[in-house]
Amino acid sequence: MPSRTTRSGCSFEGVSTDHQRAREALGARLRELRAGVSGRELAARLGWTQSKVSKLETGRQTATPADLAAWAEATGQPTAAAELQ
């Protein structure tokens, strides 16, 4: 599939890829914070579905600031919230 471009000739592909990489890196950090707790257990603590936890960790869903603060709190590492923002 060819990359799309703006009228000025800028490619959307690089922006999308950078954004996806950032979400994946954030997801890896979220998994580190969750160490020792299953995704199902964390979801129960947060009142979320296990699917939401999985999507955040794999970068398929963008986390909101409230999601990040709740995650840090639920994993017993509230000071990590600022780092995740």
Protein backbone atom coordinates (compact mmCIF):
# COMPACT_ATOMS: atom_id res chain seq x y z
CA MET A 1 0.00 0.00 0.00
CA PRO A 2 1.55 3.34 -0.99
CA SER A 3 2.02 5.96 1.68
CA ARG A 4 -0.40 8.87 1.69
CA THR A 5 0.90 12.39 1.41
CA THR A 6 -0.35 15.88 2.18
CA ARG A 7 -0.60 18.59 -0.46
CA SER A 8 2.86 19.73 0.58
CA GLY A 9 4.23 16.26 -0.10
CA CYS A 10 4.71 15.18 3.53
CA SER A 11 4.13 11.50 4.18
CA PHE A 12 1.64 10.31 6.80
CA GLU A 13 3.43 6.98 7.05
CA GLY A 14 6.35 8.22 9.17
CA VAL A 15 4.10 10.03 11.61
CA SER A 16 1.88 7.01 12.05
CA THR A 17 4.86 4.72 12.50
CA ASP A 18 6.45 7.03 15.08
CA HIS A 19 3.19 7.29 16.97
CA GLN A 20 2.76 3.50 16.92
CA ARG A 21 6.32 2.97 18.14
CA ALA A 22 5.71 5.39 21.01
CA ARG A 23 2.53 3.52 22.00
CA GLU A 24 4.39 0.20 21.86
CA ALA A 25 7.21 1.58 24.03
CA LEU A 26 4.66 2.86 26.52
CA GLY A 27 3.00 -0.56 26.49
CA ALA A 28 6.31 -2.22 27.31
CA ARG A 29 6.73 0.12 30.28
CA LEU A 30 3.19 -0.63 31.44
CA ARG A 31 4.00 -4.37 31.34
CA GLU A 32 7.11 -3.72 33.45
CA LEU A 33 5.00 -1.93 36.04
CA ARG A 34 2.52 -4.82 36.04
CA ALA A 35 5.23 -7.41 36.78
CA GLY A 36 3.95 -10.09 39.14
CA VAL A 37 0.29 -9.26 38.49
CA SER A 38 -1.72 -10.92 35.74
CA GLY A 39 -3.49 -8.81 33.16
CA ARG A 40 -6.78 -10.25 34.40
CA GLU A 41 -5.98 -9.27 38.01
CA LEU A 42 -4.97 -5.76 37.02
CA ALA A 43 -8.14 -5.37 34.96
CA ALA A 44 -10.20 -6.42 38.00
CA ARG A 45 -8.39 -3.90 40.22
CA LEU A 46 -9.12 -1.14 37.72
CA GLY A 47 -12.67 -2.17 36.82
CA TRP A 48 -11.58 -2.57 33.19
CA THR A 49 -11.82 -5.47 30.78
CA GLN A 50 -8.78 -7.66 30.32
CA SER A 51 -8.99 -6.67 26.66
CA LYS A 52 -8.32 -3.01 27.52
CA VAL A 53 -5.23 -3.97 29.53
CA SER A 54 -3.98 -6.05 26.59
CA LYS A 55 -4.65 -3.30 24.04
CA LEU A 56 -2.81 -0.71 26.12
CA GLU A 57 0.17 -3.03 26.53
CA THR A 58 0.39 -3.83 22.83
CA GLY A 59 -0.13 -0.27 21.63
CA ARG A 60 -3.45 -1.01 19.94
CA GLN A 61 -5.22 1.54 22.16
CA THR A 62 -4.04 4.98 23.18
CA ALA A 63 -3.92 5.46 26.96
CA THR A 64 -5.47 8.56 28.45
CA PRO A 65 -3.73 10.45 31.26
CA ALA A 66 -6.41 9.05 33.60
CA ASP A 67 -5.64 5.49 32.39
CA LEU A 68 -1.94 5.99 33.10
CA ALA A 69 -2.52 7.41 36.57
CA ALA A 70 -4.90 4.56 37.42
CA TRP A 71 -2.41 1.97 36.11
CA ALA A 72 0.41 3.38 38.22
CA GLU A 73 -1.82 3.48 41.30
CA ALA A 74 -3.16 -0.06 40.75
CA THR A 75 0.35 -1.48 40.37
CA GLY A 76 1.44 0.12 43.64
CA GLN A 77 3.74 2.60 41.91
CA PRO A 78 1.87 5.92 41.98
CA THR A 79 5.04 7.95 41.40
CA ALA A 80 5.39 6.31 37.98
CA ALA A 81 2.32 8.21 36.73
CA ALA A 82 4.33 11.35 35.94
CA GLU A 83 6.89 9.34 33.96
CA LEU A 84 4.13 7.73 31.88
CA GLN A 85 2.46 10.99 30.82
